[in-house]
Amino acid sequence: MRASRLLSILLLLQLRGRISAEELSREFEVSVRTIYRDVDQLSAAGAPIYAERGSNGGFALDGGFRTKLT
């Protein structure tokens, strides 16, 4: 389940742009802490994910990064 969630997070970020941890936790029905762990794992695997703080913040992919996954 975790691997599919990691790929889904990556694809959602690619499609939607910036998404908050709260939105992702609702989408995947997991805790916000789990989303933070997942994002850490994606980052460690080389995905260029960054976080912005604030009311309009969230996670996003750096620059024009695109996966070859569909």
PDB file of N, CA and C in Angstrom:
ATOM      1  N   MET A   1       0.829  -1.201   0.000  1.00  0.00           N
ATOM      2  CA  MET A   1       0.000   0.000   0.000  1.00  0.00           C
ATOM      3  C   MET A   1       0.869   1.258   0.000  1.00  0.00           C
ATOM      4  N   ARG A   2       1.963   1.211   0.737  1.00  0.00           N
ATOM      5  CA  ARG A   2       2.787   2.410   0.850  1.00  0.00           C
ATOM      6  C   ARG A   2       3.404   2.801  -0.491  1.00  0.00           C
ATOM      7  N   ALA A   3       3.897   1.832  -1.237  1.00  0.00           N
ATOM      8  CA  ALA A   3       4.511   2.141  -2.528  1.00  0.00           C
ATOM      9  C   ALA A   3       3.508   2.791  -3.464  1.00  0.00           C
ATOM     10  N   SER A   4       2.289   2.294  -3.484  1.00  0.00           N
ATOM     11  CA  SER A   4       1.284   2.891  -4.362  1.00  0.00           C
ATOM     12  C   SER A   4       0.916   4.296  -3.879  1.00  0.00           C
ATOM     13  N   ARG A   5       0.916   4.506  -2.560  1.00  0.00           N
ATOM     14  CA  ARG A   5       0.627   5.838  -2.034  1.00  0.00           C
ATOM     15  C   ARG A   5       1.742   6.817  -2.401  1.00  0.00           C
ATOM     16  N   LEU A   6       2.995   6.365  -2.339  1.00  0.00           N
ATOM     17  CA  LEU A   6       4.110   7.225  -2.710  1.00  0.00           C
ATOM     18  C   LEU A   6       4.015   7.641  -4.178  1.00  0.00           C
ATOM     19  N   LEU A   7       3.722   6.686  -5.040  1.00  0.00           N
ATOM     20  CA  LEU A   7       3.560   7.017  -6.458  1.00  0.00           C
ATOM     21  C   LEU A   7       2.370   7.933  -6.686  1.00  0.00           C
ATOM     22  N   SER A   8       1.290   7.688  -5.968  1.00  0.00           N
ATOM     23  CA  SER A   8       0.104   8.531  -6.109  1.00  0.00           C
ATOM     24  C   SER A   8       0.379   9.961  -5.647  1.00  0.00           C
ATOM     25  N   ILE A   9       1.131  10.112  -4.571  1.00  0.00           N
ATOM     26  CA  ILE A   9       1.497  11.449  -4.100  1.00  0.00           C
ATOM     27  C   ILE A   9       2.315  12.165  -5.167  1.00  0.00           C
ATOM     28  N   LEU A  10       3.273  11.464  -5.729  1.00  0.00           N
ATOM     29  CA  LEU A  10       4.111  12.048  -6.768  1.00  0.00           C
ATOM     30  C   LEU A  10       3.276  12.487  -7.972  1.00  0.00           C
ATOM     31  N   LEU A  11       2.361  11.645  -8.404  1.00  0.00           N
ATOM     32  CA  LEU A  11       1.510  11.992  -9.546  1.00  0.00           C
ATOM     33  C   LEU A  11       0.552  13.137  -9.223  1.00  0.00           C
ATOM     34  N   LEU A  12       0.009  13.161  -8.005  1.00  0.00           N
ATOM     35  CA  LEU A  12      -0.870  14.266  -7.620  1.00  0.00           C
ATOM     36  C   LEU A  12      -0.119  15.596  -7.612  1.00  0.00           C
ATOM     37  N   LEU A  13       1.091  15.576  -7.092  1.00  0.00           N
ATOM     38  CA  LEU A  13       1.894  16.804  -7.095  1.00  0.00           C
ATOM     39  C   LEU A  13       2.184  17.250  -8.522  1.00  0.00           C
ATOM     40  N   GLN A  14       2.411  16.307  -9.382  1.00  0.00           N
ATOM     41  CA  GLN A  14       2.672  16.627 -10.786  1.00  0.00           C
ATOM     42  C   GLN A  14       1.434  17.227 -11.452  1.00  0.00           C
ATOM     43  N   LEU A  15       0.264  16.703 -11.126  1.00  0.00           N
ATOM     44  CA  LEU A  15      -0.967  17.174 -11.757  1.00  0.00           C
ATOM     45  C   LEU A  15      -1.502  18.470 -11.152  1.00  0.00           C
ATOM     46  N   ARG A  16      -1.500  18.544  -9.829  1.00  0.00           N
ATOM     47  CA  ARG A  16      -2.147  19.673  -9.151  1.00  0.00           C
ATOM     48  C   ARG A  16      -1.208  20.811  -8.752  1.00  0.00           C
ATOM     49  N   GLY A  17       0.074  20.550  -8.741  1.00  0.00           N
ATOM     50  CA  GLY A  17       0.995  21.590  -8.279  1.00  0.00           C
ATOM     51  C   GLY A  17       1.209  21.481  -6.786  1.00  0.00           C
ATOM     52  N   ARG A  18       0.811  22.483  -6.045  1.00  0.00           N
ATOM     53  CA  ARG A  18       1.037  22.515  -4.599  1.00  0.00           C
ATOM     54  C   ARG A  18      -0.159  21.920  -3.858  1.00  0.00           C
ATOM     55  N   ILE A  19       0.146  21.036  -2.888  1.00  0.00           N
ATOM     56  CA  ILE A  19      -0.898  20.399  -2.085  1.00  0.00           C
ATOM     57  C   ILE A  19      -0.435  20.370  -0.637  1.00  0.00           C
ATOM     58  N   SER A  20      -1.329  20.685   0.269  1.00  0.00           N
ATOM     59  CA  SER A  20      -0.967  20.683   1.692  1.00  0.00           C
ATOM     60  C   SER A  20      -0.959  19.263   2.239  1.00  0.00           C
ATOM     61  N   ALA A  21      -0.266  19.079   3.345  1.00  0.00           N
ATOM     62  CA  ALA A  21      -0.215  17.776   4.006  1.00  0.00           C
ATOM     63  C   ALA A  21      -1.606  17.359   4.470  1.00  0.00           C
ATOM     64  N   GLU A  22      -2.399  18.324   4.898  1.00  0.00           N
ATOM     65  CA  GLU A  22      -3.754  18.025   5.356  1.00  0.00           C
ATOM     66  C   GLU A  22      -4.612  17.493   4.207  1.00  0.00           C
ATOM     67  N   GLU A  23      -4.493  18.118   3.031  1.00  0.00           N
ATOM     68  CA  GLU A  23      -5.239  17.641   1.867  1.00  0.00           C
ATOM     69  C   GLU A  23      -4.815  16.225   1.483  1.00  0.00           C
ATOM     70  N   LEU A  24      -3.515  15.985   1.485  1.00  0.00           N
ATOM     71  CA  LEU A  24      -3.020  14.657   1.150  1.00  0.00           C
ATOM     72  C   LEU A  24      -3.472  13.614   2.170  1.00  0.00           C
ATOM     73  N   SER A  25      -3.481  13.981   3.434  1.00  0.00           N
ATOM     74  CA  SER A  25      -3.901  13.026   4.467  1.00  0.00           C
ATOM     75  C   SER A  25      -5.380  12.671   4.310  1.00  0.00           C
ATOM     76  N   ARG A  26      -6.192  13.639   3.934  1.00  0.00           N
ATOM     77  CA  ARG A  26      -7.610  13.352   3.683  1.00  0.00           C
ATOM     78  C   ARG A  26      -7.774  12.477   2.435  1.00  0.00           C
ATOM     79  N   GLU A  27      -7.015  12.795   1.405  1.00  0.00           N
ATOM     80  CA  GLU A  27      -7.093  12.053   0.146  1.00  0.00           C
ATOM     81  C   GLU A  27      -6.759  10.568   0.335  1.00  0.00           C
ATOM     82  N   PHE A  28      -5.730  10.283   1.136  1.00  0.00           N
ATOM     83  CA  PHE A  28      -5.267   8.914   1.306  1.00  0.00           C
ATOM     84  C   PHE A  28      -5.722   8.271   2.617  1.00  0.00           C
ATOM     85  N   GLU A  29      -6.485   9.009   3.408  1.00  0.00           N
ATOM     86  CA  GLU A  29      -7.020   8.518   4.677  1.00  0.00           C
ATOM     87  C   GLU A  29      -5.926   7.997   5.604  1.00  0.00           C
ATOM     88  N   VAL A  30      -4.883   8.816   5.753  1.00  0.00           N
ATOM     89  CA  VAL A  30      -3.793   8.531   6.675  1.00  0.00           C
ATOM     90  C   VAL A  30      -3.546   9.796   7.496  1.00  0.00           C
ATOM     91  N   SER A  31      -2.681   9.687   8.492  1.00  0.00           N
ATOM     92  CA  SER A  31      -2.382  10.854   9.326  1.00  0.00           C
ATOM     93  C   SER A  31      -1.466  11.830   8.581  1.00  0.00           C
ATOM     94  N   VAL A  32      -1.460  13.052   9.058  1.00  0.00           N
ATOM     95  CA  VAL A  32      -0.571  14.066   8.498  1.00  0.00           C
ATOM     96  C   VAL A  32       0.874  13.636   8.701  1.00  0.00           C
ATOM     97  N   ARG A  33       1.166  13.038   9.842  1.00  0.00           N
ATOM     98  CA  ARG A  33       2.534  12.561  10.111  1.00  0.00           C
ATOM     99  C   ARG A  33       2.970  11.514   9.084  1.00  0.00           C
ATOM    100  N   THR A  34       2.056  10.656   8.675  1.00  0.00           N
ATOM    101  CA  THR A  34       2.370   9.654   7.654  1.00  0.00           C
ATOM    102  C   THR A  34       2.717  10.333   6.330  1.00  0.00           C
ATOM    103  N   ILE A  35       2.007  11.395   6.011  1.00  0.00           N
ATOM    104  CA  ILE A  35       2.297  12.140   4.779  1.00  0.00           C
ATOM    105  C   ILE A  35       3.698  12.739   4.858  1.00  0.00           C
ATOM    106  N   TYR A  36       4.062  13.294   6.013  1.00  0.00           N
ATOM    107  CA  TYR A  36       5.417  13.840   6.168  1.00  0.00           C
ATOM    108  C   TYR A  36       6.475  12.753   5.979  1.00  0.00           C
ATOM    109  N   ARG A  37       6.224  11.567   6.525  1.00  0.00           N
ATOM    110  CA  ARG A  37       7.162  10.452   6.336  1.00  0.00           C
ATOM    111  C   ARG A  37       7.252  10.061   4.867  1.00  0.00           C
ATOM    112  N   ASP A  38       6.098  10.013   4.202  1.00  0.00           N
ATOM    113  CA  ASP A  38       6.078   9.652   2.780  1.00  0.00           C
ATOM    114  C   ASP A  38       6.852  10.667   1.942  1.00  0.00           C
ATOM    115  N   VAL A  39       6.659  11.940   2.222  1.00  0.00           N
ATOM    116  CA  VAL A  39       7.368  12.983   1.480  1.00  0.00           C
ATOM    117  C   VAL A  39       8.868  12.883   1.742  1.00  0.00           C
ATOM    118  N   ASP A  40       9.250  12.576   2.972  1.00  0.00           N
ATOM    119  CA  ASP A  40      10.672  12.372   3.283  1.00  0.00           C
ATOM    120  C   ASP A  40      11.240  11.214   2.466  1.00  0.00           C
ATOM    121  N   GLN A  41      10.477  10.134   2.339  1.00  0.00           N
ATOM    122  CA  GLN A  41      10.929   8.985   1.562  1.00  0.00           C
ATOM    123  C   GLN A  41      11.068   9.328   0.083  1.00  0.00           C
ATOM    124  N   LEU A  42      10.109  10.066  -0.457  1.00  0.00           N
ATOM    125  CA  LEU A  42      10.194  10.486  -1.857  1.00  0.00           C
ATOM    126  C   LEU A  42      11.406  11.384  -2.083  1.00  0.00           C
ATOM    127  N   SER A  43      11.643  12.275  -1.161  1.00  0.00           N
ATOM    128  CA  SER A  43      12.789  13.173  -1.269  1.00  0.00           C
ATOM    129  C   SER A  43      14.101  12.389  -1.198  1.00  0.00           C
ATOM    130  N   ALA A  44      14.167  11.426  -0.293  1.00  0.00           N
ATOM    131  CA  ALA A  44      15.364  10.597  -0.164  1.00  0.00           C
ATOM    132  C   ALA A  44      15.607   9.759  -1.422  1.00  0.00           C
ATOM    133  N   ALA A  45      14.535   9.441  -2.128  1.00  0.00           N
ATOM    134  CA  ALA A  45      14.648   8.660  -3.360  1.00  0.00           C
ATOM    135  C   ALA A  45      15.010   9.522  -4.563  1.00  0.00           C
ATOM    136  N   GLY A  46      15.108  10.831  -4.357  1.00  0.00           N
ATOM    137  CA  GLY A  46      15.540  11.717  -5.431  1.00  0.00           C
ATOM    138  C   GLY A  46      14.475  12.596  -6.049  1.00  0.00           C
ATOM    139  N   ALA A  47      13.244  12.492  -5.589  1.00  0.00           N
ATOM    140  CA  ALA A  47      12.183  13.367  -6.111  1.00  0.00           C
ATOM    141  C   ALA A  47      12.407  14.777  -5.554  1.00  0.00           C
ATOM    142  N   PRO A  48      12.437  15.791  -6.407  1.00  0.00           N
ATOM    143  CA  PRO A  48      12.713  17.158  -5.956  1.00  0.00           C
ATOM    144  C   PRO A  48      11.473  17.840  -5.351  1.00  0.00           C
ATOM    145  N   ILE A  49      11.089  17.384  -4.170  1.00  0.00           N
ATOM    146  CA  ILE A  49       9.917  17.931  -3.489  1.00  0.00           C
ATOM    147  C   ILE A  49      10.375  18.982  -2.492  1.00  0.00           C
ATOM    148  N   TYR A  50       9.664  20.088  -2.455  1.00  0.00           N
ATOM    149  CA  TYR A  50       9.957  21.102  -1.447  1.00  0.00           C
ATOM    150  C   TYR A  50       8.662  21.516  -0.761  1.00  0.00           C
ATOM    151  N   ALA A  51       8.794  22.122   0.389  1.00  0.00           N
ATOM    152  CA  ALA A  51       7.645  22.551   1.172  1.00  0.00           C
ATOM    153  C   ALA A  51       7.672  24.067   1.326  1.00  0.00           C
ATOM    154  N   GLU A  52       6.500  24.653   1.269  1.00  0.00           N
ATOM    155  CA  GLU A  52       6.342  26.082   1.549  1.00  0.00           C
ATOM    156  C   GLU A  52       5.427  26.214   2.749  1.00  0.00           C
ATOM    157  N   ARG A  53       5.816  27.053   3.665  1.00  0.00           N
ATOM    158  CA  ARG A  53       5.020  27.271   4.872  1.00  0.00           C
ATOM    159  C   ARG A  53       3.995  28.367   4.643  1.00  0.00           C
ATOM    160  N   GLY A  54       3.029  28.414   5.528  1.00  0.00           N
ATOM    161  CA  GLY A  54       2.042  29.475   5.482  1.00  0.00           C
ATOM    162  C   GLY A  54       0.676  28.978   5.057  1.00  0.00           C
ATOM    163  N   SER A  55      -0.270  29.896   5.029  1.00  0.00           N
ATOM    164  CA  SER A  55      -1.655  29.522   4.731  1.00  0.00           C
ATOM    165  C   SER A  55      -1.833  29.012   3.304  1.00  0.00           C
ATOM    166  N   ASN A  56      -1.008  29.454   2.381  1.00  0.00           N
ATOM    167  CA  ASN A  56      -1.086  28.975   1.001  1.00  0.00           C
ATOM    168  C   ASN A  56       0.032  27.995   0.684  1.00  0.00           C
ATOM    169  N   GLY A  57       0.656  27.454   1.716  1.00  0.00           N
ATOM    170  CA  GLY A  57       1.785  26.565   1.539  1.00  0.00           C
ATOM    171  C   GLY A  57       1.379  25.145   1.222  1.00  0.00           C
ATOM    172  N   GLY A  58       2.360  24.299   1.190  1.00  0.00           N
ATOM    173  CA  GLY A  58       2.146  22.887   0.913  1.00  0.00           C
ATOM    174  C   GLY A  58       3.370  22.302   0.255  1.00  0.00           C
ATOM    175  N   PHE A  59       3.226  21.104  -0.249  1.00  0.00           N
ATOM    176  CA  PHE A  59       4.306  20.436  -0.946  1.00  0.00           C
ATOM    177  C   PHE A  59       4.151  20.652  -2.438  1.00  0.00           C
ATOM    178  N   ALA A  60       5.286  20.741  -3.127  1.00  0.00           N
ATOM    179  CA  ALA A  60       5.279  20.909  -4.582  1.00  0.00           C
ATOM    180  C   ALA A  60       6.547  20.290  -5.146  1.00  0.00           C
ATOM    181  N   LEU A  61       6.523  20.036  -6.439  1.00  0.00           N
ATOM    182  CA  LEU A  61       7.708  19.546  -7.128  1.00  0.00           C
ATOM    183  C   LEU A  61       8.503  20.723  -7.638  1.00  0.00           C
ATOM    184  N   ASP A  62       9.793  20.628  -7.515  1.00  0.00           N
ATOM    185  CA  ASP A  62      10.681  21.708  -7.928  1.00  0.00           C
ATOM    186  C   ASP A  62      10.696  21.865  -9.448  1.00  0.00           C
ATOM    187  N   GLY A  63      10.581  23.100  -9.892  1.00  0.00           N
ATOM    188  CA  GLY A  63      10.702  23.422 -11.301  1.00  0.00           C
ATOM    189  C   GLY A  63       9.773  22.644 -12.204  1.00  0.00           C
ATOM    190  N   GLY A  64      10.287  22.220 -13.308  1.00  0.00           N
ATOM    191  CA  GLY A  64       9.473  21.508 -14.277  1.00  0.00           C
ATOM    192  C   GLY A  64       9.624  20.009 -14.171  1.00  0.00           C
ATOM    193  N   PHE A  65       9.907  19.493 -12.991  1.00  0.00           N
ATOM    194  CA  PHE A  65      10.104  18.051 -12.837  1.00  0.00           C
ATOM    195  C   PHE A  65       8.875  17.296 -13.286  1.00  0.00           C
ATOM    196  N   ARG A  66       9.062  16.292 -14.119  1.00  0.00           N
ATOM    197  CA  ARG A  66       7.978  15.433 -14.596  1.00  0.00           C
ATOM    198  C   ARG A  66       8.443  13.987 -14.498  1.00  0.00           C
ATOM    199  N   THR A  67       7.577  13.128 -14.020  1.00  0.00           N
ATOM    200  CA  THR A  67       7.889  11.706 -14.022  1.00  0.00           C
ATOM    201  C   THR A  67       7.529  11.126 -15.389  1.00  0.00           C
ATOM    202  N   LYS A  68       8.055   9.976 -15.680  1.00  0.00           N
ATOM    203  CA  LYS A  68       7.693   9.298 -16.916  1.00  0.00           C
ATOM    204  C   LYS A  68       6.586   8.288 -16.655  1.00  0.00           C
ATOM    205  N   LEU A  69       6.041   8.324 -15.459  1.00  0.00           N
ATOM    206  CA  LEU A  69       4.949   7.419 -15.083  1.00  0.00           C
ATOM    207  C   LEU A  69       3.626   8.018 -15.530  1.00  0.00           C
ATOM    208  N   THR A  70       2.692   7.176 -15.869  1.00  0.00           N
ATOM    209  CA  THR A  70       1.351   7.653 -16.219  1.00  0.00           C
ATOM    210  C   THR A  70       0.310   6.953 -15.379  1.00  0.00           C
TER     211      THR A  70
END
